Each structure stands twice: as C-alpha cells, then as structure tokens.
Amino acid sequence: MVFAMAMSFLGCEDQYKRVGEEKADPVYPQGVAQDYVLRYTETVKALNTQDSSDTRLIAVLRSPVSEDYTNLRFKYRTFPKGLEVKHYDEQGRVSTIVADSAIIYDQTNLVDLRGNVVMETFDGKRLEAEQLYWDRRSEWIFTESRFTLSNPEEGTVLNGRGMDFNRDFTYFNAHKTGGEMLVKED
C-alpha cells in the first residue's frame, strides 16, 4: 500500500524540461525608475529655429515605481505600485486620475488603469471603476467593468457596468445602468 501511494505521488511530478520555441523567454525591463515624475508640455505657438516661446503644462504623471519595457518588440511601460495623472486644460483647470497600477502601451497609445481607479474632473464629477482604458490618440475613455459616476452639480449618482466617453464628458454612453437623482419639489 505504501509503495502504491509513493508511485502515485511521484507519478504526478512534471519532469519535462521546456526547451526551444515553447520555452518562454524571461522579460526584464530596460530600466526601473523610483519616484517617477514625467511632465508633458507643449509650446503655445509653433517655433522657428531662432524662436523661444512659453510652454504650457499638459499633464504630470507620478508613480513610486516605473518599469520601462520599451526595449521589446511591443513597447510598454508599467507602473506596478500606482499612478497619478494630473491633466491641465487650456484654462489651467486640473483633472486627476489615480489607479493602483497602470500600463502605457506606446505603439497603440492605450493606457490601461487598474484597481481602484478614481477620476475627478475640475468641475467636481467623480468616476470610480476597477479598470479604465484611455485611448490617448482619440482621447476616448472606456471600461466594461462596474463604475460609479457622481455629479454633485446635478445631484446625480449613476451606477452601471460598461461605458465610454470622450475626455471632456460632452459625449457619454453608459451600458447597463441604474442610479439616483435629486429632484426639487415646488
């Protein structure tokens, strides 16, 4: 009986060594930055060779750790310990996005924000979701996860699963929704 038990335990062990194309290559970042801060700026007007001009701050990214995988064929950068993004519009108003982790894909211009994602606009709207995608090229934000959107200006709270909208909330499409709305009595 002991011999049969030993054979059953030893028979379950995987002793196959992976080689060749089926072996996964280890992936290492080409660089790791601590206390990462990146500022995106643009010039107010086009510059000639001799010009100097004022610049406008567009966004500030902050993270405790940034891992740079732009040495790979499909380039990306990870923020495994969280990311905070402050976006400034032309009037200098600030909107903030915070997430537990993030991945920025360079070639597709897609940002994948994960874990307790909170987006607060300059006018007080607050969006909470578990995962949020931001297409930087088309300035489009979307998710298929659960979300809560609060608008104190209108007194509304919208809950749902799945939505997409443009960056300034002028177009908003929510999928499965429910919510609350305050109505004033006359």
N, C-alpha and C. Protein backbone atom coordinates (compact mmCIF):
# COMPACT_ATOMS: atom_id res chain seq x y z
N MET A 1 0.82 -1.19 0.00
CA MET A 1 0.00 0.00 0.00
C MET A 1 0.87 1.26 0.00
N VAL A 2 1.94 1.25 0.81
CA VAL A 2 2.85 2.40 0.86
C VAL A 2 3.52 2.58 -0.48
N PHE A 3 3.90 1.48 -1.12
CA PHE A 3 4.54 1.55 -2.43
C PHE A 3 3.59 2.15 -3.47
N ALA A 4 2.33 1.78 -3.44
CA ALA A 4 1.34 2.32 -4.38
C ALA A 4 1.13 3.82 -4.17
N MET A 5 1.08 4.26 -2.91
CA MET A 5 0.93 5.69 -2.61
C MET A 5 2.14 6.47 -3.09
N ALA A 6 3.34 5.94 -2.88
CA ALA A 6 4.55 6.63 -3.32
C ALA A 6 4.59 6.75 -4.83
N MET A 7 4.17 5.71 -5.54
CA MET A 7 4.15 5.75 -7.00
C MET A 7 3.15 6.79 -7.51
N SER A 8 2.00 6.91 -6.84
CA SER A 8 1.01 7.89 -7.29
C SER A 8 1.50 9.32 -7.09
N PHE A 9 2.23 9.58 -5.99
CA PHE A 9 2.76 10.92 -5.76
C PHE A 9 3.90 11.24 -6.70
N LEU A 10 4.80 10.29 -6.94
CA LEU A 10 5.93 10.52 -7.83
C LEU A 10 5.49 10.58 -9.29
N GLY A 11 4.42 9.89 -9.61
CA GLY A 11 3.93 9.89 -10.99
C GLY A 11 3.30 11.20 -11.40
N CYS A 12 2.91 12.04 -10.46
CA CYS A 12 2.26 13.32 -10.76
C CYS A 12 3.26 14.45 -10.99
N GLU A 13 4.52 14.21 -10.74
CA GLU A 13 5.52 15.27 -10.86
C GLU A 13 5.86 15.51 -12.32
N ASP A 14 5.91 16.79 -12.72
CA ASP A 14 6.27 17.17 -14.09
C ASP A 14 7.78 17.30 -14.17
N GLN A 15 8.44 16.39 -14.89
CA GLN A 15 9.89 16.43 -15.04
C GLN A 15 10.28 16.83 -16.45
N TYR A 16 9.32 17.28 -17.23
CA TYR A 16 9.58 17.68 -18.60
C TYR A 16 10.26 19.04 -18.61
N LYS A 17 11.40 19.13 -19.26
CA LYS A 17 12.12 20.40 -19.32
C LYS A 17 11.73 21.12 -20.61
N ARG A 18 11.29 22.35 -20.49
CA ARG A 18 10.86 23.14 -21.63
C ARG A 18 12.09 23.67 -22.37
N VAL A 19 12.13 23.46 -23.67
CA VAL A 19 13.25 23.92 -24.49
C VAL A 19 12.72 24.47 -25.80
N GLY A 20 13.58 25.15 -26.53
CA GLY A 20 13.23 25.61 -27.87
C GLY A 20 12.16 26.68 -27.87
N GLU A 21 11.27 26.64 -28.86
CA GLU A 21 10.26 27.68 -29.04
C GLU A 21 9.20 27.69 -27.96
N GLU A 22 8.96 26.54 -27.30
CA GLU A 22 7.92 26.51 -26.28
C GLU A 22 8.39 27.11 -24.95
N LYS A 23 9.69 27.30 -24.79
CA LYS A 23 10.20 27.90 -23.55
C LYS A 23 9.98 29.40 -23.60
N ALA A 24 9.37 29.93 -22.57
CA ALA A 24 9.10 31.37 -22.50
C ALA A 24 10.38 32.12 -22.18
N ASP A 25 10.67 33.16 -22.94
CA ASP A 25 11.84 33.98 -22.69
C ASP A 25 11.59 34.85 -21.46
N PRO A 26 12.57 35.00 -20.60
CA PRO A 26 12.37 35.91 -19.47
C PRO A 26 12.31 37.35 -19.99
N VAL A 27 11.43 38.14 -19.38
CA VAL A 27 11.26 39.54 -19.79
C VAL A 27 11.72 40.42 -18.65
N TYR A 28 12.70 41.28 -18.97
CA TYR A 28 13.24 42.19 -17.97
C TYR A 28 13.09 43.62 -18.47
N PRO A 29 12.81 44.55 -17.57
CA PRO A 29 12.73 45.96 -18.00
C PRO A 29 14.13 46.48 -18.34
N GLN A 30 14.20 47.41 -19.27
CA GLN A 30 15.49 48.01 -19.58
C GLN A 30 15.86 49.07 -18.55
N GLY A 31 14.87 49.49 -17.76
CA GLY A 31 15.15 50.46 -16.71
C GLY A 31 14.02 50.49 -15.70
N VAL A 32 14.38 50.79 -14.46
CA VAL A 32 13.40 50.93 -13.38
C VAL A 32 13.66 52.28 -12.73
N ALA A 33 12.62 53.10 -12.63
CA ALA A 33 12.76 54.42 -12.03
C ALA A 33 11.99 54.46 -10.71
N GLN A 34 12.60 55.01 -9.70
CA GLN A 34 11.96 55.22 -8.40
C GLN A 34 11.49 56.68 -8.34
N ASP A 35 10.37 56.93 -7.67
CA ASP A 35 9.80 58.28 -7.55
C ASP A 35 9.73 58.97 -8.92
N TYR A 36 9.04 58.32 -9.83
CA TYR A 36 8.94 58.73 -11.23
C TYR A 36 8.01 59.93 -11.36
N VAL A 37 8.48 60.97 -12.04
CA VAL A 37 7.66 62.15 -12.37
C VAL A 37 7.94 62.51 -13.82
N LEU A 38 6.88 62.62 -14.62
CA LEU A 38 7.02 62.98 -16.02
C LEU A 38 6.07 64.13 -16.30
N ARG A 39 6.58 65.19 -16.90
CA ARG A 39 5.76 66.36 -17.24
C ARG A 39 5.65 66.46 -18.76
N TYR A 40 4.40 66.50 -19.26
CA TYR A 40 4.14 66.71 -20.67
C TYR A 40 3.86 68.19 -20.87
N THR A 41 4.57 68.80 -21.81
CA THR A 41 4.36 70.21 -22.12
C THR A 41 4.23 70.38 -23.63
N GLU A 42 3.70 71.53 -24.04
CA GLU A 42 3.66 71.89 -25.45
C GLU A 42 3.91 73.38 -25.56
N THR A 43 4.39 73.80 -26.71
CA THR A 43 4.60 75.23 -26.93
C THR A 43 3.27 75.87 -27.30
N VAL A 44 3.14 77.10 -26.92
CA VAL A 44 1.90 77.83 -27.18
C VAL A 44 1.75 78.09 -28.68
N LYS A 45 2.85 78.38 -29.36
CA LYS A 45 2.82 78.59 -30.81
C LYS A 45 3.99 77.83 -31.43
N ALA A 46 3.89 77.59 -32.73
CA ALA A 46 4.96 76.87 -33.45
C ALA A 46 6.25 77.68 -33.39
N LEU A 47 7.38 76.98 -33.26
CA LEU A 47 8.67 77.65 -33.13
C LEU A 47 9.45 77.60 -34.43
N ASN A 48 10.17 78.68 -34.73
CA ASN A 48 11.15 78.68 -35.80
C ASN A 48 12.50 78.33 -35.19
N THR A 49 13.54 78.34 -35.98
CA THR A 49 14.86 77.93 -35.47
C THR A 49 15.41 78.90 -34.44
N GLN A 50 15.07 80.17 -34.53
CA GLN A 50 15.61 81.17 -33.62
C GLN A 50 14.64 81.57 -32.51
N ASP A 51 13.42 81.02 -32.51
CA ASP A 51 12.40 81.43 -31.55
C ASP A 51 12.60 80.80 -30.19
N SER A 52 12.12 81.51 -29.21
CA SER A 52 11.92 80.92 -27.89
C SER A 52 10.49 81.28 -27.50
N SER A 53 9.82 80.38 -26.81
CA SER A 53 8.41 80.60 -26.53
C SER A 53 8.06 80.02 -25.18
N ASP A 54 6.93 80.47 -24.66
CA ASP A 54 6.43 79.90 -23.43
C ASP A 54 5.83 78.53 -23.72
N THR A 55 5.89 77.67 -22.73
CA THR A 55 5.28 76.35 -22.88
C THR A 55 4.09 76.25 -21.93
N ARG A 56 3.19 75.33 -22.26
CA ARG A 56 2.01 75.09 -21.45
C ARG A 56 2.10 73.67 -20.91
N LEU A 57 1.83 73.50 -19.63
CA LEU A 57 1.84 72.19 -19.00
C LEU A 57 0.55 71.47 -19.36
N ILE A 58 0.68 70.24 -19.91
CA ILE A 58 -0.48 69.45 -20.31
C ILE A 58 -0.83 68.42 -19.25
N ALA A 59 0.18 67.69 -18.77
CA ALA A 59 -0.07 66.62 -17.80
C ALA A 59 1.18 66.35 -16.98
N VAL A 60 0.94 65.83 -15.77
CA VAL A 60 2.03 65.38 -14.89
C VAL A 60 1.69 63.97 -14.43
N LEU A 61 2.60 63.02 -14.69
CA LEU A 61 2.46 61.64 -14.24
C LEU A 61 3.38 61.42 -13.06
N ARG A 62 2.86 60.79 -11.99
CA ARG A 62 3.65 60.48 -10.81
C ARG A 62 3.43 59.03 -10.42
N SER A 63 4.52 58.36 -10.04
CA SER A 63 4.42 56.98 -9.59
C SER A 63 5.62 56.64 -8.71
N PRO A 64 5.42 55.78 -7.70
CA PRO A 64 6.57 55.36 -6.89
C PRO A 64 7.58 54.55 -7.70
N VAL A 65 7.10 53.76 -8.67
CA VAL A 65 7.98 52.91 -9.48
C VAL A 65 7.48 52.88 -10.92
N SER A 66 8.40 53.01 -11.86
CA SER A 66 8.09 52.85 -13.28
C SER A 66 9.07 51.84 -13.87
N GLU A 67 8.52 50.86 -14.59
CA GLU A 67 9.36 49.86 -15.25
C GLU A 67 9.23 50.06 -16.76
N ASP A 68 10.37 50.22 -17.43
CA ASP A 68 10.42 50.55 -18.84
C ASP A 68 10.71 49.31 -19.68
N TYR A 69 9.71 48.87 -20.47
CA TYR A 69 9.86 47.73 -21.36
C TYR A 69 9.86 48.17 -22.82
N THR A 70 10.35 49.37 -23.10
CA THR A 70 10.37 49.86 -24.47
C THR A 70 11.49 49.24 -25.29
N ASN A 71 12.26 48.33 -24.71
CA ASN A 71 13.27 47.60 -25.45
C ASN A 71 12.68 46.38 -26.17
N LEU A 72 11.42 46.04 -25.91
CA LEU A 72 10.78 44.88 -26.52
C LEU A 72 10.14 45.25 -27.86
N ARG A 73 9.74 44.25 -28.61
CA ARG A 73 9.08 44.50 -29.90
C ARG A 73 7.78 45.26 -29.69
N PHE A 74 6.96 44.83 -28.71
CA PHE A 74 5.73 45.54 -28.36
C PHE A 74 6.04 46.38 -27.12
N LYS A 75 6.28 47.66 -27.31
CA LYS A 75 6.80 48.55 -26.27
C LYS A 75 5.71 48.95 -25.28
N TYR A 76 6.08 48.96 -23.99
CA TYR A 76 5.16 49.43 -22.97
C TYR A 76 5.94 49.83 -21.72
N ARG A 77 5.23 50.52 -20.82
CA ARG A 77 5.80 50.97 -19.55
C ARG A 77 4.78 50.62 -18.47
N THR A 78 5.24 50.04 -17.35
CA THR A 78 4.32 49.66 -16.27
C THR A 78 4.55 50.54 -15.05
N PHE A 79 3.49 50.66 -14.28
CA PHE A 79 3.51 51.38 -13.01
C PHE A 79 2.86 50.45 -11.97
N PRO A 80 3.62 49.48 -11.46
CA PRO A 80 3.02 48.43 -10.62
C PRO A 80 2.59 48.89 -9.23
N LYS A 81 3.08 50.02 -8.77
CA LYS A 81 2.73 50.48 -7.42
C LYS A 81 1.87 51.72 -7.43
N GLY A 82 1.16 51.93 -8.54
CA GLY A 82 0.23 53.05 -8.61
C GLY A 82 0.67 54.13 -9.56
N LEU A 83 -0.33 54.91 -9.99
CA LEU A 83 -0.09 56.03 -10.91
C LEU A 83 -1.07 57.14 -10.61
N GLU A 84 -0.58 58.37 -10.62
CA GLU A 84 -1.42 59.55 -10.51
C GLU A 84 -1.15 60.42 -11.73
N VAL A 85 -2.22 60.82 -12.42
CA VAL A 85 -2.10 61.69 -13.59
C VAL A 85 -2.91 62.95 -13.33
N LYS A 86 -2.26 64.10 -13.47
CA LYS A 86 -2.95 65.39 -13.39
C LYS A 86 -2.93 65.98 -14.78
N HIS A 87 -4.14 66.23 -15.32
CA HIS A 87 -4.27 66.77 -16.67
C HIS A 87 -4.74 68.21 -16.58
N TYR A 88 -4.06 69.10 -17.32
CA TYR A 88 -4.38 70.53 -17.30
C TYR A 88 -4.99 70.91 -18.65
N ASP A 89 -6.17 71.58 -18.63
CA ASP A 89 -6.76 72.04 -19.89
C ASP A 89 -6.18 73.41 -20.25
N GLU A 90 -6.67 74.01 -21.33
CA GLU A 90 -6.14 75.29 -21.80
C GLU A 90 -6.34 76.43 -20.81
N GLN A 91 -7.36 76.32 -19.95
CA GLN A 91 -7.60 77.36 -18.93
C GLN A 91 -6.82 77.08 -17.64
N GLY A 92 -6.05 76.01 -17.59
CA GLY A 92 -5.26 75.67 -16.41
C GLY A 92 -6.02 74.89 -15.36
N ARG A 93 -7.24 74.44 -15.67
CA ARG A 93 -8.04 73.66 -14.72
C ARG A 93 -7.50 72.23 -14.68
N VAL A 94 -7.50 71.63 -13.49
CA VAL A 94 -6.87 70.33 -13.29
C VAL A 94 -7.91 69.23 -13.10
N SER A 95 -7.73 68.12 -13.83
CA SER A 95 -8.49 66.89 -13.63
C SER A 95 -7.47 65.82 -13.23
N THR A 96 -7.87 64.92 -12.32
CA THR A 96 -6.94 63.94 -11.76
C THR A 96 -7.45 62.53 -11.97
N ILE A 97 -6.52 61.61 -12.27
CA ILE A 97 -6.81 60.18 -12.34
C ILE A 97 -5.81 59.47 -11.44
N VAL A 98 -6.31 58.57 -10.58
CA VAL A 98 -5.46 57.78 -9.68
C VAL A 98 -5.84 56.32 -9.86
N ALA A 99 -4.82 55.43 -9.90
CA ALA A 99 -5.06 53.99 -10.04
C ALA A 99 -4.01 53.22 -9.26
N ASP A 100 -4.35 51.99 -8.85
CA ASP A 100 -3.40 51.14 -8.10
C ASP A 100 -2.25 50.68 -8.98
N SER A 101 -2.50 50.49 -10.28
CA SER A 101 -1.43 50.12 -11.22
C SER A 101 -1.85 50.57 -12.61
N ALA A 102 -0.87 50.63 -13.52
CA ALA A 102 -1.17 51.07 -14.88
C ALA A 102 -0.13 50.52 -15.85
N ILE A 103 -0.55 50.43 -17.11
CA ILE A 103 0.34 50.06 -18.20
C ILE A 103 0.08 51.04 -19.34
N ILE A 104 1.15 51.63 -19.86
CA ILE A 104 1.04 52.52 -21.01
C ILE A 104 1.67 51.80 -22.20
N TYR A 105 0.86 51.53 -23.22
CA TYR A 105 1.32 50.86 -24.43
C TYR A 105 1.70 51.92 -25.45
N ASP A 106 2.98 52.02 -25.77
CA ASP A 106 3.48 53.08 -26.64
C ASP A 106 2.95 52.99 -28.07
N GLN A 107 2.92 51.80 -28.64
CA GLN A 107 2.57 51.66 -30.05
C GLN A 107 1.09 51.86 -30.32
N THR A 108 0.24 51.53 -29.37
CA THR A 108 -1.20 51.68 -29.58
C THR A 108 -1.76 52.94 -28.91
N ASN A 109 -0.92 53.65 -28.14
CA ASN A 109 -1.36 54.85 -27.42
C ASN A 109 -2.51 54.55 -26.46
N LEU A 110 -2.51 53.36 -25.89
CA LEU A 110 -3.56 52.96 -24.96
C LEU A 110 -2.99 52.93 -23.54
N VAL A 111 -3.75 53.44 -22.58
CA VAL A 111 -3.37 53.40 -21.17
C VAL A 111 -4.37 52.50 -20.46
N ASP A 112 -3.88 51.49 -19.76
CA ASP A 112 -4.70 50.54 -19.01
C ASP A 112 -4.53 50.85 -17.53
N LEU A 113 -5.57 51.40 -16.91
CA LEU A 113 -5.56 51.75 -15.48
C LEU A 113 -6.32 50.68 -14.73
N ARG A 114 -5.73 50.15 -13.64
CA ARG A 114 -6.35 49.03 -12.93
C ARG A 114 -6.36 49.25 -11.43
N GLY A 115 -7.42 48.75 -10.81
CA GLY A 115 -7.50 48.74 -9.35
C GLY A 115 -7.85 50.08 -8.75
N ASN A 116 -9.05 50.22 -8.23
CA ASN A 116 -9.49 51.45 -7.55
C ASN A 116 -9.19 52.70 -8.36
N VAL A 117 -9.64 52.71 -9.59
CA VAL A 117 -9.42 53.86 -10.47
C VAL A 117 -10.41 54.95 -10.09
N VAL A 118 -9.89 56.14 -9.82
CA VAL A 118 -10.73 57.29 -9.48
C VAL A 118 -10.33 58.44 -10.39
N MET A 119 -11.33 58.97 -11.09
CA MET A 119 -11.12 60.12 -11.97
C MET A 119 -11.97 61.26 -11.45
N GLU A 120 -11.33 62.39 -11.18
CA GLU A 120 -12.04 63.58 -10.70
C GLU A 120 -11.79 64.72 -11.68
N THR A 121 -12.87 65.29 -12.21
CA THR A 121 -12.73 66.39 -13.16
C THR A 121 -12.67 67.72 -12.40
N PHE A 122 -12.23 68.74 -13.11
CA PHE A 122 -12.10 70.06 -12.48
C PHE A 122 -13.43 70.60 -11.99
N ASP A 123 -14.55 70.16 -12.58
CA ASP A 123 -15.86 70.69 -12.18
C ASP A 123 -16.57 69.80 -11.15
N GLY A 124 -15.86 68.84 -10.55
CA GLY A 124 -16.41 68.07 -9.44
C GLY A 124 -16.97 66.70 -9.77
N LYS A 125 -17.04 66.32 -11.05
CA LYS A 125 -17.52 64.97 -11.38
C LYS A 125 -16.50 63.95 -10.90
N ARG A 126 -17.01 62.81 -10.43
CA ARG A 126 -16.13 61.77 -9.89
C ARG A 126 -16.54 60.42 -10.48
N LEU A 127 -15.59 59.75 -11.09
CA LEU A 127 -15.81 58.43 -11.68
C LEU A 127 -14.95 57.42 -10.93
N GLU A 128 -15.57 56.33 -10.49
CA GLU A 128 -14.85 55.25 -9.81
C GLU A 128 -15.09 53.96 -10.58
N ALA A 129 -14.01 53.20 -10.84
CA ALA A 129 -14.12 51.93 -11.57
C ALA A 129 -12.95 51.04 -11.17
N GLU A 130 -13.08 49.75 -11.43
CA GLU A 130 -11.99 48.81 -11.16
C GLU A 130 -10.95 48.84 -12.27
N GLN A 131 -11.38 49.12 -13.49
CA GLN A 131 -10.46 49.20 -14.62
C GLN A 131 -10.98 50.24 -15.60
N LEU A 132 -10.07 50.98 -16.18
CA LEU A 132 -10.43 52.03 -17.11
C LEU A 132 -9.37 52.09 -18.20
N TYR A 133 -9.79 52.20 -19.44
CA TYR A 133 -8.87 52.34 -20.56
C TYR A 133 -8.99 53.75 -21.12
N TRP A 134 -7.84 54.29 -21.53
CA TRP A 134 -7.82 55.62 -22.13
C TRP A 134 -7.04 55.54 -23.43
N ASP A 135 -7.72 55.82 -24.53
CA ASP A 135 -7.07 55.87 -25.84
C ASP A 135 -6.57 57.30 -26.02
N ARG A 136 -5.27 57.49 -25.91
CA ARG A 136 -4.71 58.84 -25.95
C ARG A 136 -4.84 59.49 -27.32
N ARG A 137 -4.80 58.68 -28.37
CA ARG A 137 -4.87 59.23 -29.72
C ARG A 137 -6.24 59.84 -30.00
N SER A 138 -7.30 59.12 -29.67
CA SER A 138 -8.66 59.63 -29.93
C SER A 138 -9.26 60.32 -28.71
N GLU A 139 -8.51 60.38 -27.61
CA GLU A 139 -8.97 60.98 -26.35
C GLU A 139 -10.31 60.38 -25.93
N TRP A 140 -10.38 59.05 -25.96
CA TRP A 140 -11.58 58.31 -25.63
C TRP A 140 -11.32 57.44 -24.42
N ILE A 141 -12.25 57.38 -23.47
CA ILE A 141 -12.11 56.61 -22.23
C ILE A 141 -13.23 55.59 -22.19
N PHE A 142 -12.91 54.34 -21.80
CA PHE A 142 -13.93 53.30 -21.78
C PHE A 142 -13.60 52.21 -20.76
N THR A 143 -14.63 51.45 -20.39
CA THR A 143 -14.48 50.32 -19.49
C THR A 143 -15.64 49.36 -19.73
N GLU A 144 -15.43 48.12 -19.36
CA GLU A 144 -16.50 47.13 -19.34
C GLU A 144 -16.77 46.68 -17.90
N SER A 145 -16.06 47.26 -16.95
CA SER A 145 -16.24 46.89 -15.54
C SER A 145 -17.31 47.77 -14.89
N ARG A 146 -17.59 47.49 -13.62
CA ARG A 146 -18.55 48.28 -12.86
C ARG A 146 -17.99 49.68 -12.63
N PHE A 147 -18.89 50.67 -12.58
CA PHE A 147 -18.47 52.04 -12.35
C PHE A 147 -19.52 52.78 -11.54
N THR A 148 -19.10 53.88 -10.93
CA THR A 148 -19.98 54.82 -10.25
C THR A 148 -19.57 56.22 -10.68
N LEU A 149 -20.52 56.98 -11.21
CA LEU A 149 -20.26 58.34 -11.64
C LEU A 149 -21.12 59.27 -10.80
N SER A 150 -20.46 60.17 -10.07
CA SER A 150 -21.15 61.14 -9.23
C SER A 150 -21.01 62.53 -9.84
N ASN A 151 -22.12 63.26 -9.89
CA ASN A 151 -22.10 64.62 -10.39
C ASN A 151 -22.79 65.51 -9.35
N PRO A 152 -22.01 66.15 -8.46
CA PRO A 152 -22.63 66.97 -7.42
C PRO A 152 -23.36 68.19 -7.95
N GLU A 153 -22.95 68.66 -9.11
CA GLU A 153 -23.60 69.83 -9.72
C GLU A 153 -25.07 69.54 -10.03
N GLU A 154 -25.35 68.33 -10.53
CA GLU A 154 -26.72 67.94 -10.86
C GLU A 154 -27.35 67.10 -9.77
N GLY A 155 -26.57 66.67 -8.78
CA GLY A 155 -27.09 65.84 -7.70
C GLY A 155 -27.40 64.42 -8.15
N THR A 156 -26.61 63.87 -9.07
CA THR A 156 -26.88 62.53 -9.58
C THR A 156 -25.75 61.56 -9.23
N VAL A 157 -26.14 60.29 -9.08
CA VAL A 157 -25.20 59.19 -8.93
C VAL A 157 -25.63 58.11 -9.90
N LEU A 158 -24.73 57.73 -10.79
CA LEU A 158 -25.03 56.73 -11.82
C LEU A 158 -24.15 55.52 -11.60
N ASN A 159 -24.75 54.34 -11.47
CA ASN A 159 -24.02 53.08 -11.32
C ASN A 159 -24.28 52.25 -12.57
N GLY A 160 -23.30 51.42 -12.92
CA GLY A 160 -23.51 50.58 -14.08
C GLY A 160 -22.34 49.68 -14.37
N ARG A 161 -22.45 48.99 -15.48
CA ARG A 161 -21.37 48.12 -15.97
C ARG A 161 -21.16 48.47 -17.43
N GLY A 162 -19.98 48.98 -17.73
CA GLY A 162 -19.62 49.32 -19.09
C GLY A 162 -20.03 50.71 -19.51
N MET A 163 -19.09 51.48 -20.05
CA MET A 163 -19.37 52.82 -20.55
C MET A 163 -18.22 53.30 -21.40
N ASP A 164 -18.47 54.33 -22.17
CA ASP A 164 -17.41 55.00 -22.91
C ASP A 164 -17.79 56.47 -23.06
N PHE A 165 -16.76 57.33 -23.11
CA PHE A 165 -17.00 58.76 -23.19
C PHE A 165 -15.74 59.45 -23.68
N ASN A 166 -15.91 60.70 -24.16
CA ASN A 166 -14.75 61.48 -24.53
C ASN A 166 -14.21 62.19 -23.29
N ARG A 167 -13.02 62.73 -23.42
CA ARG A 167 -12.31 63.25 -22.26
C ARG A 167 -13.04 64.37 -21.53
N ASP A 168 -13.76 65.21 -22.22
CA ASP A 168 -14.43 66.34 -21.56
C ASP A 168 -15.91 66.06 -21.24
N PHE A 169 -16.34 64.79 -21.33
CA PHE A 169 -17.70 64.37 -20.97
C PHE A 169 -18.78 65.02 -21.83
N THR A 170 -18.47 65.50 -23.02
CA THR A 170 -19.53 66.04 -23.87
C THR A 170 -20.29 64.92 -24.56
N TYR A 171 -19.68 63.74 -24.69
CA TYR A 171 -20.38 62.55 -25.17
C TYR A 171 -20.18 61.46 -24.13
N PHE A 172 -21.28 60.83 -23.69
CA PHE A 172 -21.22 59.80 -22.66
C PHE A 172 -22.20 58.69 -23.02
N ASN A 173 -21.74 57.44 -23.05
CA ASN A 173 -22.58 56.30 -23.38
C ASN A 173 -22.39 55.25 -22.29
N ALA A 174 -23.40 55.08 -21.44
CA ALA A 174 -23.36 54.07 -20.37
C ALA A 174 -24.17 52.86 -20.82
N HIS A 175 -23.71 51.67 -20.48
CA HIS A 175 -24.34 50.44 -20.96
C HIS A 175 -25.45 49.99 -20.00
N LYS A 176 -25.14 49.19 -19.01
CA LYS A 176 -26.14 48.71 -18.05
C LYS A 176 -26.09 49.65 -16.85
N THR A 177 -27.17 50.39 -16.61
CA THR A 177 -27.12 51.45 -15.60
C THR A 177 -28.28 51.43 -14.64
N GLY A 178 -28.08 52.16 -13.57
CA GLY A 178 -29.10 52.45 -12.56
C GLY A 178 -28.56 53.63 -11.76
N GLY A 179 -29.37 54.30 -10.99
CA GLY A 179 -28.81 55.42 -10.25
C GLY A 179 -29.82 56.20 -9.45
N GLU A 180 -29.37 57.34 -8.97
CA GLU A 180 -30.18 58.23 -8.13
C GLU A 180 -30.13 59.63 -8.70
N MET A 181 -31.21 60.35 -8.54
CA MET A 181 -31.25 61.73 -8.98
C MET A 181 -32.10 62.51 -7.98
N LEU A 182 -31.59 63.65 -7.55
CA LEU A 182 -32.33 64.52 -6.64
C LEU A 182 -33.23 65.43 -7.46
N VAL A 183 -34.52 65.50 -7.09
CA VAL A 183 -35.47 66.34 -7.80
C VAL A 183 -36.05 67.33 -6.79
N LYS A 184 -35.99 68.63 -7.13
CA LYS A 184 -36.52 69.66 -6.25
C LYS A 184 -38.03 69.71 -6.36
N GLU A 185 -38.69 69.83 -5.21
CA GLU A 185 -40.15 69.95 -5.19
C GLU A 185 -40.52 71.42 -5.19
N ASP A 186 -41.61 71.76 -5.87
CA ASP A 186 -42.09 73.15 -5.89
C ASP A 186 -43.11 73.37 -4.81
